[in-house]
């Protein structure tokens, strides 16, 4: 299954996902820590606010997250192959 479509299914078809929902599961950090890192653009994927307000939630694109996850999987697969060949 395509990672992007898996993410769409997981997040109820939303292509733009609130960072607070993504951070604990995929980055192993709290929503609060993720918000601070988003402000510094120190996350492994771009995060942005859809509105101009500081109170607008941070969002992550499902496309960017899927690409990140696919890259991590490819790295892990390469390492696994080197160890097991």
PDB file of N, CA and C in Angstrom:
ATOM      1  N   UNK A   1       0.832  -1.176   0.000  1.00  0.00           N
ATOM      2  CA  UNK A   1       0.000   0.000   0.000  1.00  0.00           C
ATOM      3  C   UNK A   1       0.885   1.250   0.000  1.00  0.00           C
ATOM      4  N   UNK A   2       0.466   2.234  -0.694  1.00  0.00           N
ATOM      5  CA  UNK A   2       1.177   3.496  -0.768  1.00  0.00           C
ATOM      6  C   UNK A   2       1.110   4.199   0.593  1.00  0.00           C
ATOM      7  N   UNK A   3       2.227   4.690   1.071  1.00  0.00           N
ATOM      8  CA  UNK A   3       2.296   5.331   2.387  1.00  0.00           C
ATOM      9  C   UNK A   3       1.358   6.530   2.477  1.00  0.00           C
ATOM     10  N   UNK A   4       1.301   7.312   1.426  1.00  0.00           N
ATOM     11  CA  UNK A   4       0.425   8.486   1.419  1.00  0.00           C
ATOM     12  C   UNK A   4      -1.029   8.086   1.653  1.00  0.00           C
ATOM     13  N   UNK A   5      -1.490   7.083   0.950  1.00  0.00           N
ATOM     14  CA  UNK A   5      -2.880   6.659   1.097  1.00  0.00           C
ATOM     15  C   UNK A   5      -3.123   6.024   2.460  1.00  0.00           C
ATOM     16  N   UNK A   6      -2.110   5.363   2.999  1.00  0.00           N
ATOM     17  CA  UNK A   6      -2.217   4.841   4.358  1.00  0.00           C
ATOM     18  C   UNK A   6      -2.399   5.957   5.368  1.00  0.00           C
ATOM     19  N   UNK A   7      -1.647   7.047   5.189  1.00  0.00           N
ATOM     20  CA  UNK A   7      -1.798   8.199   6.080  1.00  0.00           C
ATOM     21  C   UNK A   7      -3.176   8.842   5.925  1.00  0.00           C
ATOM     22  N   UNK A   8      -3.646   8.942   4.698  1.00  0.00           N
ATOM     23  CA  UNK A   8      -4.987   9.498   4.491  1.00  0.00           C
ATOM     24  C   UNK A   8      -6.024   8.664   5.227  1.00  0.00           C
ATOM     25  N   UNK A   9      -5.886   7.352   5.154  1.00  0.00           N
ATOM     26  CA  UNK A   9      -6.826   6.475   5.853  1.00  0.00           C
ATOM     27  C   UNK A   9      -6.701   6.653   7.366  1.00  0.00           C
ATOM     28  N   UNK A  10      -5.487   6.743   7.858  1.00  0.00           N
ATOM     29  CA  UNK A  10      -5.261   6.882   9.302  1.00  0.00           C
ATOM     30  C   UNK A  10      -5.832   8.184   9.843  1.00  0.00           C
ATOM     31  N   UNK A  11      -5.714   9.252   9.062  1.00  0.00           N
ATOM     32  CA  UNK A  11      -6.141  10.567   9.522  1.00  0.00           C
ATOM     33  C   UNK A  11      -7.435  11.023   8.859  1.00  0.00           C
ATOM     34  N   UNK A  12      -8.306  10.068   8.556  1.00  0.00           N
ATOM     35  CA  UNK A  12      -9.666  10.351   8.069  1.00  0.00           C
ATOM     36  C   UNK A  12      -9.707  11.215   6.815  1.00  0.00           C
ATOM     37  N   UNK A  13      -8.807  10.948   5.895  1.00  0.00           N
ATOM     38  CA  UNK A  13      -8.815  11.624   4.607  1.00  0.00           C
ATOM     39  C   UNK A  13      -8.226  13.018   4.603  1.00  0.00           C
ATOM     40  N   UNK A  14      -7.671  13.445   5.723  1.00  0.00           N
ATOM     41  CA  UNK A  14      -7.093  14.798   5.781  1.00  0.00           C
ATOM     42  C   UNK A  14      -5.701  14.795   5.177  1.00  0.00           C
ATOM     43  N   UNK A  15      -5.499  15.653   4.193  1.00  0.00           N
ATOM     44  CA  UNK A  15      -4.188  15.758   3.550  1.00  0.00           C
ATOM     45  C   UNK A  15      -3.250  16.656   4.345  1.00  0.00           C
ATOM     46  N   UNK A  16      -3.810  17.516   5.158  1.00  0.00           N
ATOM     47  CA  UNK A  16      -3.040  18.393   6.044  1.00  0.00           C
ATOM     48  C   UNK A  16      -3.396  17.976   7.464  1.00  0.00           C
ATOM     49  N   UNK A  17      -2.399  17.526   8.216  1.00  0.00           N
ATOM     50  CA  UNK A  17      -2.628  16.886   9.505  1.00  0.00           C
ATOM     51  C   UNK A  17      -2.088  17.770  10.625  1.00  0.00           C
ATOM     52  N   UNK A  18      -2.871  17.973  11.684  1.00  0.00           N
ATOM     53  CA  UNK A  18      -2.351  18.751  12.816  1.00  0.00           C
ATOM     54  C   UNK A  18      -1.093  18.095  13.401  1.00  0.00           C
ATOM     55  N   UNK A  19      -0.089  18.905  13.633  1.00  0.00           N
ATOM     56  CA  UNK A  19       1.183  18.422  14.162  1.00  0.00           C
ATOM     57  C   UNK A  19       0.996  17.695  15.491  1.00  0.00           C
ATOM     58  N   UNK A  20       0.065  18.155  16.305  1.00  0.00           N
ATOM     59  CA  UNK A  20      -0.145  17.522  17.611  1.00  0.00           C
ATOM     60  C   UNK A  20      -0.593  16.069  17.487  1.00  0.00           C
ATOM     61  N   UNK A  21      -1.169  15.690  16.348  1.00  0.00           N
ATOM     62  CA  UNK A  21      -1.562  14.299  16.124  1.00  0.00           C
ATOM     63  C   UNK A  21      -0.413  13.467  15.542  1.00  0.00           C
ATOM     64  N   UNK A  22       0.460  14.107  14.819  1.00  0.00           N
ATOM     65  CA  UNK A  22       1.570  13.422  14.144  1.00  0.00           C
ATOM     66  C   UNK A  22       2.762  13.209  15.073  1.00  0.00           C
ATOM     67  N   UNK A  23       3.081  14.221  15.868  1.00  0.00           N
ATOM     68  CA  UNK A  23       4.321  14.238  16.653  1.00  0.00           C
ATOM     69  C   UNK A  23       4.517  13.039  17.572  1.00  0.00           C
ATOM     70  N   UNK A  24       3.543  12.690  18.410  1.00  0.00           N
ATOM     71  CA  UNK A  24       3.802  11.566  19.320  1.00  0.00           C
ATOM     72  C   UNK A  24       4.009  10.243  18.573  1.00  0.00           C
ATOM     73  N   UNK A  25       3.252  10.020  17.534  1.00  0.00           N
ATOM     74  CA  UNK A  25       3.307   8.740  16.828  1.00  0.00           C
ATOM     75  C   UNK A  25       4.526   8.599  15.928  1.00  0.00           C
ATOM     76  N   UNK A  26       4.832   9.642  15.171  1.00  0.00           N
ATOM     77  CA  UNK A  26       5.877   9.514  14.154  1.00  0.00           C
ATOM     78  C   UNK A  26       7.213  10.153  14.520  1.00  0.00           C
ATOM     79  N   UNK A  27       7.217  11.090  15.467  1.00  0.00           N
ATOM     80  CA  UNK A  27       8.470  11.729  15.847  1.00  0.00           C
ATOM     81  C   UNK A  27       8.862  11.412  17.286  1.00  0.00           C
ATOM     82  N   UNK A  28       8.015  10.705  18.005  1.00  0.00           N
ATOM     83  CA  UNK A  28       8.257  10.321  19.406  1.00  0.00           C
ATOM     84  C   UNK A  28       8.561  11.518  20.303  1.00  0.00           C
ATOM     85  N   UNK A  29       7.825  12.593  20.069  1.00  0.00           N
ATOM     86  CA  UNK A  29       7.937  13.777  20.921  1.00  0.00           C
ATOM     87  C   UNK A  29       6.532  14.260  21.255  1.00  0.00           C
ATOM     88  N   UNK A  30       6.424  15.032  22.321  1.00  0.00           N
ATOM     89  CA  UNK A  30       5.116  15.556  22.724  1.00  0.00           C
ATOM     90  C   UNK A  30       4.668  16.646  21.753  1.00  0.00           C
ATOM     91  N   UNK A  31       3.388  16.927  21.788  1.00  0.00           N
ATOM     92  CA  UNK A  31       2.840  17.993  20.941  1.00  0.00           C
ATOM     93  C   UNK A  31       3.476  19.335  21.301  1.00  0.00           C
ATOM     94  N   UNK A  32       3.735  19.546  22.576  1.00  0.00           N
ATOM     95  CA  UNK A  32       4.349  20.806  23.022  1.00  0.00           C
ATOM     96  C   UNK A  32       5.766  20.958  22.460  1.00  0.00           C
ATOM     97  N   UNK A  33       6.565  19.904  22.568  1.00  0.00           N
ATOM     98  CA  UNK A  33       7.925  19.927  22.026  1.00  0.00           C
ATOM     99  C   UNK A  33       7.877  20.108  20.513  1.00  0.00           C
ATOM    100  N   UNK A  34       6.958  19.433  19.878  1.00  0.00           N
ATOM    101  CA  UNK A  34       6.822  19.550  18.419  1.00  0.00           C
ATOM    102  C   UNK A  34       6.486  20.986  18.015  1.00  0.00           C
ATOM    103  N   UNK A  35       5.618  21.629  18.783  1.00  0.00           N
ATOM    104  CA  UNK A  35       5.276  23.020  18.487  1.00  0.00           C
ATOM    105  C   UNK A  35       6.480  23.938  18.574  1.00  0.00           C
ATOM    106  N   UNK A  36       7.302  23.724  19.591  1.00  0.00           N
ATOM    107  CA  UNK A  36       8.519  24.546  19.733  1.00  0.00           C
ATOM    108  C   UNK A  36       9.481  24.288  18.576  1.00  0.00           C
ATOM    109  N   UNK A  37       9.639  23.017  18.209  1.00  0.00           N
ATOM    110  CA  UNK A  37      10.530  22.688  17.095  1.00  0.00           C
ATOM    111  C   UNK A  37       9.978  23.190  15.769  1.00  0.00           C
ATOM    112  N   UNK A  38       8.662  23.181  15.621  1.00  0.00           N
ATOM    113  CA  UNK A  38       8.054  23.694  14.389  1.00  0.00           C
ATOM    114  C   UNK A  38       8.369  25.170  14.225  1.00  0.00           C
ATOM    115  N   UNK A  39       8.310  25.914  15.318  1.00  0.00           N
ATOM    116  CA  UNK A  39       8.621  27.337  15.267  1.00  0.00           C
ATOM    117  C   UNK A  39      10.048  27.604  14.824  1.00  0.00           C
ATOM    118  N   UNK A  40      10.939  26.682  15.129  1.00  0.00           N
ATOM    119  CA  UNK A  40      12.348  26.808  14.732  1.00  0.00           C
ATOM    120  C   UNK A  40      12.644  26.053  13.434  1.00  0.00           C
ATOM    121  N   UNK A  41      11.616  25.480  12.828  1.00  0.00           N
ATOM    122  CA  UNK A  41      11.761  24.633  11.631  1.00  0.00           C
ATOM    123  C   UNK A  41      12.805  23.542  11.869  1.00  0.00           C
ATOM    124  N   UNK A  42      12.695  22.880  13.027  1.00  0.00           N
ATOM    125  CA  UNK A  42      13.656  21.842  13.415  1.00  0.00           C
ATOM    126  C   UNK A  42      13.001  20.459  13.464  1.00  0.00           C
ATOM    127  N   UNK A  43      12.010  20.247  12.638  1.00  0.00           N
ATOM    128  CA  UNK A  43      11.373  18.936  12.528  1.00  0.00           C
ATOM    129  C   UNK A  43      11.864  18.260  11.247  1.00  0.00           C
ATOM    130  N   UNK A  44      11.704  16.955  11.133  1.00  0.00           N
ATOM    131  CA  UNK A  44      12.176  16.274   9.917  1.00  0.00           C
ATOM    132  C   UNK A  44      11.312  16.538   8.686  1.00  0.00           C
ATOM    133  N   UNK A  45      10.164  17.201   8.866  1.00  0.00           N
ATOM    134  CA  UNK A  45       9.302  17.597   7.753  1.00  0.00           C
ATOM    135  C   UNK A  45       8.891  19.053   7.962  1.00  0.00           C
ATOM    136  N   UNK A  46       8.543  19.745   6.898  1.00  0.00           N
ATOM    137  CA  UNK A  46       8.091  21.133   7.064  1.00  0.00           C
ATOM    138  C   UNK A  46       6.773  21.199   7.844  1.00  0.00           C
ATOM    139  N   UNK A  47       6.665  22.174   8.713  1.00  0.00           N
ATOM    140  CA  UNK A  47       5.420  22.444   9.434  1.00  0.00           C
ATOM    141  C   UNK A  47       5.049  23.897   9.191  1.00  0.00           C
ATOM    142  N   UNK A  48       3.768  24.174   9.137  1.00  0.00           N
ATOM    143  CA  UNK A  48       3.316  25.529   8.839  1.00  0.00           C
ATOM    144  C   UNK A  48       1.969  25.784   9.500  1.00  0.00           C
ATOM    145  N   UNK A  49       1.634  27.035   9.581  1.00  0.00           N
ATOM    146  CA  UNK A  49       0.318  27.444  10.079  1.00  0.00           C
ATOM    147  C   UNK A  49      -0.494  27.904   8.874  1.00  0.00           C
ATOM    148  N   UNK A  50      -1.723  27.424   8.770  1.00  0.00           N
ATOM    149  CA  UNK A  50      -2.572  27.803   7.640  1.00  0.00           C
ATOM    150  C   UNK A  50      -3.051  29.247   7.765  1.00  0.00           C
ATOM    151  N   UNK A  51      -3.197  29.721   8.989  1.00  0.00           N
ATOM    152  CA  UNK A  51      -3.643  31.095   9.212  1.00  0.00           C
ATOM    153  C   UNK A  51      -2.499  31.990   9.625  1.00  0.00           C
ATOM    154  N   UNK A  52      -2.783  33.269   9.701  1.00  0.00           N
ATOM    155  CA  UNK A  52      -1.770  34.242  10.090  1.00  0.00           C
ATOM    156  C   UNK A  52      -1.635  34.369  11.606  1.00  0.00           C
ATOM    157  N   UNK A  53      -2.556  33.783  12.336  1.00  0.00           N
ATOM    158  CA  UNK A  53      -2.578  33.906  13.792  1.00  0.00           C
ATOM    159  C   UNK A  53      -1.582  32.970  14.455  1.00  0.00           C
ATOM    160  N   UNK A  54      -1.003  33.442  15.562  1.00  0.00           N
ATOM    161  CA  UNK A  54      -0.123  32.596  16.377  1.00  0.00           C
ATOM    162  C   UNK A  54      -0.910  31.441  16.995  1.00  0.00           C
ATOM    163  N   UNK A  55      -2.235  31.576  17.040  1.00  0.00           N
ATOM    164  CA  UNK A  55      -3.077  30.539  17.621  1.00  0.00           C
ATOM    165  C   UNK A  55      -3.488  29.486  16.598  1.00  0.00           C
ATOM    166  N   UNK A  56      -3.173  29.708  15.336  1.00  0.00           N
ATOM    167  CA  UNK A  56      -3.469  28.700  14.315  1.00  0.00           C
ATOM    168  C   UNK A  56      -2.629  27.466  14.595  1.00  0.00           C
ATOM    169  N   UNK A  57      -3.210  26.282  14.437  1.00  0.00           N
ATOM    170  CA  UNK A  57      -2.436  25.071  14.728  1.00  0.00           C
ATOM    171  C   UNK A  57      -1.358  24.822  13.676  1.00  0.00           C
ATOM    172  N   UNK A  58      -0.287  24.200  14.109  1.00  0.00           N
ATOM    173  CA  UNK A  58       0.756  23.783  13.183  1.00  0.00           C
ATOM    174  C   UNK A  58       0.232  22.589  12.384  1.00  0.00           C
ATOM    175  N   UNK A  59       0.506  22.568  11.100  1.00  0.00           N
ATOM    176  CA  UNK A  59       0.071  21.491  10.223  1.00  0.00           C
ATOM    177  C   UNK A  59       1.267  20.853   9.535  1.00  0.00           C
ATOM    178  N   UNK A  60       1.080  19.596   9.149  1.00  0.00           N
ATOM    179  CA  UNK A  60       2.079  18.851   8.380  1.00  0.00           C
ATOM    180  C   UNK A  60       1.351  18.250   7.184  1.00  0.00           C
ATOM    181  N   UNK A  61       1.958  18.346   6.029  1.00  0.00           N
ATOM    182  CA  UNK A  61       1.371  17.767   4.830  1.00  0.00           C
ATOM    183  C   UNK A  61       1.543  16.250   4.843  1.00  0.00           C
ATOM    184  N   UNK A  62       0.478  15.532   4.502  1.00  0.00           N
ATOM    185  CA  UNK A  62       0.558  14.071   4.409  1.00  0.00           C
ATOM    186  C   UNK A  62       1.564  13.657   3.336  1.00  0.00           C
ATOM    187  N   UNK A  63       1.710  14.459   2.295  1.00  0.00           N
ATOM    188  CA  UNK A  63       2.685  14.162   1.235  1.00  0.00           C
ATOM    189  C   UNK A  63       4.102  14.200   1.809  1.00  0.00           C
ATOM    190  N   UNK A  64       4.410  15.254   2.562  1.00  0.00           N
ATOM    191  CA  UNK A  64       5.747  15.382   3.156  1.00  0.00           C
ATOM    192  C   UNK A  64       6.010  14.282   4.174  1.00  0.00           C
ATOM    193  N   UNK A  65       5.014  13.978   4.991  1.00  0.00           N
ATOM    194  CA  UNK A  65       5.182  12.931   5.998  1.00  0.00           C
ATOM    195  C   UNK A  65       5.372  11.572   5.338  1.00  0.00           C
ATOM    196  N   UNK A  66       4.608  11.297   4.295  1.00  0.00           N
ATOM    197  CA  UNK A  66       4.752  10.023   3.580  1.00  0.00           C
ATOM    198  C   UNK A  66       6.139   9.904   2.959  1.00  0.00           C
ATOM    199  N   UNK A  67       6.625  10.976   2.379  1.00  0.00           N
ATOM    200  CA  UNK A  67       7.965  10.968   1.777  1.00  0.00           C
ATOM    201  C   UNK A  67       9.025  10.695   2.844  1.00  0.00           C
ATOM    202  N   UNK A  68       8.900  11.355   3.985  1.00  0.00           N
ATOM    203  CA  UNK A  68       9.821  11.145   5.101  1.00  0.00           C
ATOM    204  C   UNK A  68       9.801   9.688   5.559  1.00  0.00           C
ATOM    205  N   UNK A  69       8.614   9.136   5.752  1.00  0.00           N
ATOM    206  CA  UNK A  69       8.501   7.749   6.204  1.00  0.00           C
ATOM    207  C   UNK A  69       9.068   6.779   5.176  1.00  0.00           C
ATOM    208  N   UNK A  70       8.821   7.035   3.905  1.00  0.00           N
ATOM    209  CA  UNK A  70       9.365   6.175   2.848  1.00  0.00           C
ATOM    210  C   UNK A  70      10.898   6.221   2.834  1.00  0.00           C
ATOM    211  N   UNK A  71      11.460   7.410   3.043  1.00  0.00           N
ATOM    212  CA  UNK A  71      12.923   7.533   3.086  1.00  0.00           C
ATOM    213  C   UNK A  71      13.499   6.781   4.282  1.00  0.00           C
ATOM    214  N   UNK A  72      12.859   6.900   5.432  1.00  0.00           N
ATOM    215  CA  UNK A  72      13.326   6.186   6.625  1.00  0.00           C
ATOM    216  C   UNK A  72      13.242   4.672   6.423  1.00  0.00           C
ATOM    217  N   UNK A  73      12.157   4.223   5.792  1.00  0.00           N
ATOM    218  CA  UNK A  73      12.001   2.798   5.526  1.00  0.00           C
ATOM    219  C   UNK A  73      13.091   2.313   4.582  1.00  0.00           C
ATOM    220  N   UNK A  74      13.388   3.093   3.547  1.00  0.00           N
ATOM    221  CA  UNK A  74      14.431   2.712   2.589  1.00  0.00           C
ATOM    222  C   UNK A  74      15.794   2.619   3.285  1.00  0.00           C
ATOM    223  N   UNK A  75      16.094   3.583   4.171  1.00  0.00           N
ATOM    224  CA  UNK A  75      17.352   3.542   4.921  1.00  0.00           C
ATOM    225  C   UNK A  75      17.429   2.287   5.782  1.00  0.00           C
ATOM    226  N   UNK A  76      16.340   1.974   6.462  1.00  0.00           N
ATOM    227  CA  UNK A  76      16.311   0.789   7.321  1.00  0.00           C
ATOM    228  C   UNK A  76      16.459  -0.482   6.494  1.00  0.00           C
ATOM    229  N   UNK A  77      15.846  -0.512   5.329  1.00  0.00           N
ATOM    230  CA  UNK A  77      15.931  -1.688   4.462  1.00  0.00           C
ATOM    231  C   UNK A  77      17.357  -1.888   3.957  1.00  0.00           C
ATOM    232  N   UNK A  78      18.011  -0.802   3.582  1.00  0.00           N
ATOM    233  CA  UNK A  78      19.404  -0.897   3.127  1.00  0.00           C
ATOM    234  C   UNK A  78      20.307  -1.418   4.242  1.00  0.00           C
ATOM    235  N   UNK A  79      20.140  -0.890   5.436  1.00  0.00           N
ATOM    236  CA  UNK A  79      20.941  -1.356   6.575  1.00  0.00           C
ATOM    237  C   UNK A  79      20.670  -2.834   6.855  1.00  0.00           C
ATOM    238  N   UNK A  80      19.411  -3.206   6.841  1.00  0.00           N
ATOM    239  CA  UNK A  80      19.036  -4.605   7.081  1.00  0.00           C
ATOM    240  C   UNK A  80      19.680  -5.515   6.046  1.00  0.00           C
ATOM    241  N   UNK A  81      19.664  -5.093   4.778  1.00  0.00           N
ATOM    242  CA  UNK A  81      20.279  -5.902   3.733  1.00  0.00           C
ATOM    243  C   UNK A  81      21.781  -6.053   3.937  1.00  0.00           C
ATOM    244  N   UNK A  82      22.460  -4.956   4.334  1.00  0.00           N
ATOM    245  CA  UNK A  82      23.900  -5.033   4.570  1.00  0.00           C
ATOM    246  C   UNK A  82      24.225  -6.002   5.703  1.00  0.00           C
ATOM    247  N   UNK A  83      23.424  -5.998   6.726  1.00  0.00           N
ATOM    248  CA  UNK A  83      23.661  -6.864   7.874  1.00  0.00           C
ATOM    249  C   UNK A  83      23.318  -8.308   7.564  1.00  0.00           C
ATOM    250  N   UNK A  84      22.300  -8.536   6.760  1.00  0.00           N
ATOM    251  CA  UNK A  84      21.790  -9.888   6.536  1.00  0.00           C
ATOM    252  C   UNK A  84      22.208 -10.516   5.216  1.00  0.00           C
ATOM    253  N   UNK A  85      23.067  -9.915   4.487  1.00  0.00           N
ATOM    254  CA  UNK A  85      23.548 -10.530   3.234  1.00  0.00           C
ATOM    255  C   UNK A  85      24.878 -11.188   3.428  1.00  0.00           C
TER     256      UNK A  85
END
